[in-house]
Amino acid sequence: MTEPLNPGSHVIEVELAVDQVTIVNPAEATATVRCILGPVRRGARFDRIRDSAEAIDLELTQILAYHRSVEELDPVHTALVTLRGAGVQFLTSATPRSRWQTIRGTNPLP
């Protein structure tokens, strides 16, 4: 498990690398992602896109791994996730010429 950002804190930083994104509506997207730093739990909040000034406030509401719903995604594993909130329009799919976007945030408190 990842160490807290601040000693004595229970906040755990997490990262997902975004491969393919489908914008469902202005406040919801589904995305194929790989866990880079985690494990990432359902309910995690993402507030920034690495190397971007765009503001986001996204909650991870569903994780589907191997066609079944799971509560968390471990590092290096891939899943289809649902993200809801502000900033879904800033998520982009990877292309042969672009890197995967990385979104950063924190897991919900236990």
Protein backbone atom coordinates (compact mmCIF):
# COMPACT_ATOMS: atom_id res chain seq x y z
CA MET A 1 0.00 0.00 0.00
CA THR A 2 1.11 3.54 -0.69
CA GLU A 3 2.31 5.73 2.18
CA PRO A 4 0.30 8.79 3.25
CA LEU A 5 1.25 12.13 1.67
CA ASN A 6 1.77 13.66 5.11
CA PRO A 7 2.99 11.65 8.11
CA GLY A 8 0.08 11.20 10.50
CA SER A 9 -2.42 11.72 7.68
CA HIS A 10 -4.73 9.02 6.33
CA VAL A 11 -4.80 10.54 2.82
CA ILE A 12 -3.45 8.13 0.20
CA GLU A 13 -2.43 9.56 -3.19
CA VAL A 14 -3.45 7.52 -6.25
CA GLU A 15 -2.88 7.72 -10.02
CA LEU A 16 -4.60 6.30 -13.06
CA ALA A 17 -3.22 6.37 -16.62
CA VAL A 18 -6.05 6.91 -19.11
CA ASP A 19 -6.01 4.96 -22.38
CA GLN A 20 -9.45 5.30 -24.02
CA VAL A 21 -12.22 7.70 -22.93
CA THR A 22 -15.90 7.84 -23.82
CA ILE A 23 -17.73 10.98 -22.71
CA VAL A 24 -21.22 9.79 -21.69
CA ASN A 25 -22.55 13.26 -20.82
CA PRO A 26 -21.05 16.57 -19.57
CA ALA A 27 -20.62 15.13 -16.07
CA GLU A 28 -19.74 11.47 -16.76
CA ALA A 29 -17.15 9.48 -18.67
CA THR A 30 -16.09 5.88 -18.91
CA ALA A 31 -12.42 5.13 -19.45
CA THR A 32 -10.05 2.23 -19.84
CA VAL A 33 -7.31 2.92 -17.31
CA ARG A 34 -4.23 1.38 -15.76
CA CYS A 35 -3.51 1.85 -12.06
CA ILE A 36 -0.12 3.53 -11.68
CA LEU A 37 -0.18 4.32 -7.96
CA GLY A 38 -2.60 2.73 -5.58
CA PRO A 39 -4.53 0.62 -4.99
CA VAL A 40 -7.30 2.94 -6.20
CA ARG A 41 -10.62 2.42 -4.41
CA ARG A 42 -14.15 3.15 -5.57
CA GLY A 43 -14.99 6.64 -4.31
CA ALA A 44 -11.49 8.03 -5.04
CA ARG A 45 -11.47 11.74 -5.97
CA PHE A 46 -9.27 13.04 -8.79
CA ASP A 47 -8.37 16.73 -8.79
CA ARG A 48 -5.61 17.11 -11.36
CA ILE A 49 -4.30 15.91 -14.68
CA ARG A 50 -0.52 15.55 -14.71
CA ASP A 51 1.17 18.19 -16.92
CA SER A 52 -2.08 20.17 -17.28
CA ALA A 53 -3.44 23.34 -15.69
CA GLU A 54 -7.06 22.23 -16.25
CA ALA A 55 -9.12 21.86 -13.07
CA ILE A 56 -11.04 18.63 -12.54
CA ASP A 57 -13.13 17.23 -9.70
CA LEU A 58 -13.96 13.64 -10.60
CA GLU A 59 -15.19 10.78 -8.45
CA LEU A 60 -14.50 7.18 -9.40
CA THR A 61 -17.94 5.57 -9.11
CA GLN A 62 -17.42 2.16 -10.71
CA ILE A 63 -14.55 -0.21 -11.48
CA LEU A 64 -15.09 -3.12 -13.87
CA ALA A 65 -12.25 -5.64 -14.05
CA TYR A 66 -12.70 -8.75 -16.17
CA HIS A 67 -16.39 -7.83 -16.65
CA ARG A 68 -17.20 -7.74 -12.94
CA SER A 69 -17.56 -4.91 -10.47
CA VAL A 70 -14.74 -4.60 -7.94
CA GLU A 71 -14.05 -2.21 -5.05
CA GLU A 72 -10.42 -1.43 -5.86
CA LEU A 73 -7.80 -1.63 -8.59
CA ASP A 74 -4.22 -2.60 -7.79
CA PRO A 75 -1.13 -1.11 -9.48
CA VAL A 76 -0.35 -2.30 -13.03
CA HIS A 77 -3.88 -3.69 -13.47
CA THR A 78 -6.25 -2.37 -16.13
CA ALA A 79 -10.01 -1.80 -15.82
CA LEU A 80 -12.97 0.07 -17.23
CA VAL A 81 -13.97 2.83 -14.81
CA THR A 82 -16.75 5.39 -14.55
CA LEU A 83 -15.77 8.92 -13.52
CA ARG A 84 -18.36 11.55 -12.58
CA GLY A 85 -18.03 15.24 -11.87
CA ALA A 86 -16.51 18.42 -13.25
CA GLY A 87 -13.83 18.28 -15.92
CA VAL A 88 -14.65 15.10 -17.86
CA GLN A 89 -14.32 17.16 -21.06
CA PHE A 90 -10.58 17.49 -20.35
CA LEU A 91 -10.00 13.72 -20.44
CA THR A 92 -8.53 12.50 -23.73
CA SER A 93 -7.82 9.13 -25.27
CA ALA A 94 -4.26 8.12 -26.01
CA THR A 95 -3.14 8.09 -29.63
CA PRO A 96 -0.03 6.67 -31.32
CA ARG A 97 1.47 10.18 -31.07
CA SER A 98 0.40 11.08 -27.52
CA ARG A 99 1.13 9.69 -24.10
CA TRP A 100 -1.55 8.35 -21.83
CA GLN A 101 -3.01 11.07 -19.61
CA THR A 102 -2.41 10.58 -15.90
CA ILE A 103 -5.01 11.71 -13.39
CA ARG A 104 -4.04 12.14 -9.74
CA GLY A 105 -6.10 12.21 -6.60
CA THR A 106 -6.81 10.54 -3.28
CA ASN A 107 -8.72 7.54 -2.02
CA PRO A 108 -11.72 8.07 0.25
CA LEU A 109 -11.00 7.95 3.96
CA PRO A 110 -11.45 4.46 5.46
